[in-house]
Amino acid sequence: MTEHSTGAIEEADHSAEAPDDREYARALGTRLRAVRSQQRLSLHGVERKSGGKWKAVVVGSYERGDRAVSVARLAELADFYGVPISELLPSEEGASSGRIDPSGKIVLDLQKMQNVPAEDAAPLVRYAQSIQRQRGDYGNKVLSIRGEDLRALALMFDTSLEQLTEKLIAWGVLAPGSIGHVD
C-alpha cells in the first residue's frame, strides 16, 4: 500500500467518526455553558474574571462545539470554574441517546418550571424548593439534582423513570448541560 493510499484510508476513517466527534463536542459545550451559567457569568464576564486568559470568543466556540478543547485546557477551565473536570465531561450515553441517565447529572431550569401548570408539576416544584432550602441556594435559574433524586421524583409522580423523563423533556424543564436536554 502506498503512503498516499494509506492517508486516504485514514482520512476516510476520520470522516466516518466526525459526526460522533461533533456530537460529543456539542455535549461537552453544553456542559461548559451550564457550569458557566450556574456561576452567573456571561462569556465576557469569563474574560474579565480571568484577566483575559479566557477569551469570550474562544469559550463561546468551545460551548458551541465549534472548536476542540485539549484536555489540558479543559482542566484549566475546570480549575477556573472551581469544579472537578468530571463535571464538564458529558457521559457517552448522554452525548448520543437524548435520554436522561439516572446515574448522571440532571439540571432543571427553574424559570421554565414556572410555566408548567401547578397541578402537573407540584411534586417537582416542592422537591426543587426543598433542595434549594437544604442548600441555601436561592435565586439561581437552574438546579442540579442527582439520579437518585430523579428516582424519588418518579415515585412521587407514581410513574416510571422513563415516563418522568419524557414529562421533563415535554415540559422543557431540562436546562442546557443536563443529560437528556433536547435543543
Protein backbone atom coordinates (compact mmCIF):
# COMPACT_ATOMS: atom_id res chain seq x y z
CA MET A 1 0.00 0.00 0.00
CA THR A 2 1.40 3.41 -0.87
CA GLU A 3 1.77 6.27 1.55
CA HIS A 4 -0.88 8.19 -0.41
CA SER A 5 -3.47 5.41 -0.23
CA THR A 6 -2.86 4.91 3.49
CA GLY A 7 -3.57 8.60 4.06
CA ALA A 8 -6.81 8.29 2.11
CA ILE A 9 -7.91 5.35 4.27
CA GLU A 10 -7.08 7.26 7.45
CA GLU A 11 -8.97 10.28 6.12
CA ALA A 12 -12.00 8.11 5.31
CA ASP A 13 -11.91 6.60 8.81
CA HIS A 14 -11.66 10.09 10.32
CA SER A 15 -14.66 11.34 8.35
CA ALA A 16 -16.67 8.32 9.47
CA GLU A 17 -16.00 9.32 13.11
CA ALA A 18 -16.63 13.03 12.59
CA PRO A 19 -20.39 13.07 13.38
CA ASP A 20 -19.80 11.37 16.75
CA ASP A 21 -16.92 13.75 17.47
CA ARG A 22 -19.09 16.77 16.67
CA GLU A 23 -21.92 15.39 18.80
CA TYR A 24 -19.55 14.86 21.73
CA ALA A 25 -18.10 18.36 21.26
CA ARG A 26 -21.64 19.81 21.38
CA ALA A 27 -22.45 17.78 24.51
CA LEU A 28 -19.21 18.98 26.12
CA GLY A 29 -20.05 22.54 25.12
CA THR A 30 -23.49 22.19 26.70
CA ARG A 31 -21.87 21.14 29.97
CA LEU A 32 -19.43 24.07 29.78
CA ARG A 33 -22.29 26.50 29.19
CA ALA A 34 -24.31 25.06 32.09
CA VAL A 35 -21.41 25.43 34.53
CA ARG A 36 -20.76 28.99 33.36
CA SER A 37 -24.48 29.83 33.64
CA GLN A 38 -24.69 28.35 37.13
CA GLN A 39 -21.96 30.79 38.13
CA ARG A 40 -23.94 33.64 36.55
CA LEU A 41 -21.12 34.53 34.20
CA SER A 42 -21.54 35.84 30.67
CA LEU A 43 -18.89 34.98 28.12
CA HIS A 44 -17.46 38.48 28.55
CA GLY A 45 -17.68 38.00 32.32
CA VAL A 46 -15.42 34.94 31.98
CA GLU A 47 -12.94 37.02 30.01
CA ARG A 48 -12.98 39.83 32.60
CA LYS A 49 -12.80 37.49 35.62
CA SER A 50 -9.90 35.56 34.08
CA GLY A 51 -7.98 38.73 33.30
CA GLY A 52 -8.11 37.90 29.60
CA LYS A 53 -6.76 34.36 29.95
CA TRP A 54 -10.09 33.02 28.65
CA LYS A 55 -11.28 34.99 25.63
CA ALA A 56 -15.07 35.20 25.24
CA VAL A 57 -14.88 34.15 21.59
CA VAL A 58 -12.82 31.04 22.44
CA VAL A 59 -15.03 29.92 25.35
CA GLY A 60 -18.09 30.54 23.17
CA SER A 61 -16.66 28.37 20.39
CA TYR A 62 -15.97 25.60 22.95
CA GLU A 63 -19.57 25.88 24.17
CA ARG A 64 -20.99 25.65 20.65
CA GLY A 65 -18.75 22.67 19.87
CA ASP A 66 -17.17 24.61 17.01
CA ARG A 67 -13.68 24.33 18.44
CA ALA A 68 -11.94 21.34 20.02
CA VAL A 69 -10.60 21.83 23.52
CA SER A 70 -7.48 19.98 24.66
CA VAL A 71 -7.54 18.00 27.88
CA ALA A 72 -5.01 20.42 29.40
CA ARG A 73 -7.16 23.47 28.54
CA LEU A 74 -10.29 21.71 29.78
CA ALA A 75 -8.54 21.02 33.10
CA GLU A 76 -7.54 24.69 33.31
CA LEU A 77 -11.12 25.75 32.58
CA ALA A 78 -12.45 23.37 35.25
CA ASP A 79 -9.97 24.89 37.69
CA PHE A 80 -11.07 28.41 36.70
CA TYR A 81 -14.74 27.47 37.32
CA GLY A 82 -13.77 25.69 40.54
CA VAL A 83 -15.34 22.37 39.56
CA PRO A 84 -13.90 18.88 39.05
CA ILE A 85 -13.10 18.19 35.41
CA SER A 86 -15.62 15.32 35.51
CA GLU A 87 -18.39 17.95 35.88
CA LEU A 88 -17.50 19.25 32.43
CA LEU A 89 -17.46 15.89 30.69
CA PRO A 90 -20.70 14.53 29.24
CA SER A 91 -21.39 10.84 29.60
CA GLU A 92 -21.16 8.78 26.43
CA GLU A 93 -24.82 7.85 26.79
CA GLY A 94 -25.83 11.47 27.34
CA ALA A 95 -23.98 12.61 24.26
CA SER A 96 -25.83 10.28 21.96
CA SER A 97 -29.01 8.96 23.48
CA GLY A 98 -31.13 12.02 24.16
CA ARG A 99 -32.43 10.38 27.36
CA ILE A 100 -31.59 11.03 30.98
CA ASP A 101 -29.10 8.65 32.50
CA PRO A 102 -30.23 8.32 36.12
CA SER A 103 -26.62 7.94 37.23
CA GLY A 104 -25.73 11.25 35.60
CA LYS A 105 -26.37 14.93 36.25
CA ILE A 106 -29.81 16.40 35.75
CA VAL A 107 -30.10 20.17 35.56
CA LEU A 108 -33.57 21.66 35.95
CA ASP A 109 -34.42 25.07 34.52
CA LEU A 110 -36.28 26.68 37.42
CA GLN A 111 -37.61 29.52 35.28
CA LYS A 112 -39.21 27.12 32.79
CA MET A 113 -40.71 25.14 35.67
CA GLN A 114 -42.84 28.21 36.41
CA ASN A 115 -44.53 27.76 33.01
CA VAL A 116 -45.69 24.23 33.81
CA PRO A 117 -49.24 24.17 35.24
CA ALA A 118 -49.02 23.88 39.03
CA GLU A 119 -51.29 20.84 39.19
CA ASP A 120 -48.95 18.97 36.81
CA ALA A 121 -45.60 19.91 38.34
CA ALA A 122 -46.48 20.33 42.05
CA PRO A 123 -44.31 17.41 43.28
CA LEU A 124 -41.37 18.63 41.17
CA VAL A 125 -41.71 22.21 42.42
CA ARG A 126 -41.94 21.11 46.07
CA TYR A 127 -38.92 18.83 45.66
CA ALA A 128 -36.87 21.57 43.98
CA GLN A 129 -37.80 24.07 46.71
CA SER A 130 -36.83 21.53 49.37
CA ILE A 131 -33.40 21.05 47.79
CA GLN A 132 -32.93 24.81 47.49
CA ARG A 133 -33.73 25.23 51.21
CA GLN A 134 -31.29 22.48 52.19
CA ARG A 135 -28.54 24.03 50.09
CA GLY A 136 -29.39 27.64 50.94
CA ASP A 137 -29.40 28.01 47.18
CA TYR A 138 -31.90 30.72 46.31
CA GLY A 139 -32.08 32.94 43.28
CA ASN A 140 -30.43 30.55 40.84
CA LYS A 141 -32.03 29.93 37.47
CA VAL A 142 -31.08 26.24 37.43
CA LEU A 143 -30.91 23.42 39.96
CA SER A 144 -28.69 20.35 39.64
CA ILE A 145 -30.08 17.11 41.02
CA ARG A 146 -28.74 13.55 41.16
CA GLY A 147 -30.06 10.42 39.53
CA GLU A 148 -31.34 9.27 42.93
CA ASP A 149 -33.40 12.46 43.12
CA LEU A 150 -34.93 11.61 39.76
CA ARG A 151 -35.85 8.14 41.03
CA ALA A 152 -37.50 9.70 44.10
CA LEU A 153 -39.43 12.10 41.87
CA ALA A 154 -40.64 9.20 39.73
CA LEU A 155 -42.06 7.62 42.90
CA MET A 156 -43.77 10.90 43.86
CA PHE A 157 -45.30 11.15 40.39
CA ASP A 158 -46.29 7.46 40.63
CA THR A 159 -44.67 6.82 37.27
CA SER A 160 -41.67 5.11 35.75
CA LEU A 161 -38.30 6.78 35.35
CA GLU A 162 -38.77 6.68 31.56
CA GLN A 163 -42.22 8.34 31.74
CA LEU A 164 -40.96 11.04 34.12
CA THR A 165 -38.04 11.70 31.79
CA GLU A 166 -40.48 12.13 28.91
CA LYS A 167 -42.55 14.56 31.02
CA LEU A 168 -39.49 16.65 31.89
CA ILE A 169 -38.50 16.80 28.24
CA ALA A 170 -42.05 17.68 27.15
CA TRP A 171 -42.27 20.43 29.78
CA GLY A 172 -38.91 21.81 28.61
CA VAL A 173 -37.52 22.00 32.15
CA LEU A 174 -34.20 20.31 31.37
CA ALA A 175 -31.58 23.05 31.32
CA PRO A 176 -28.64 23.14 28.91
CA GLY A 177 -25.99 20.86 30.38
CA SER A 178 -28.48 18.35 31.59
CA ILE A 179 -28.22 14.81 30.36
CA GLY A 180 -31.25 14.37 28.14
CA HIS A 181 -31.56 18.08 27.29
CA VAL A 182 -33.08 18.48 23.87
CA ASP A 183 -32.24 21.65 21.90
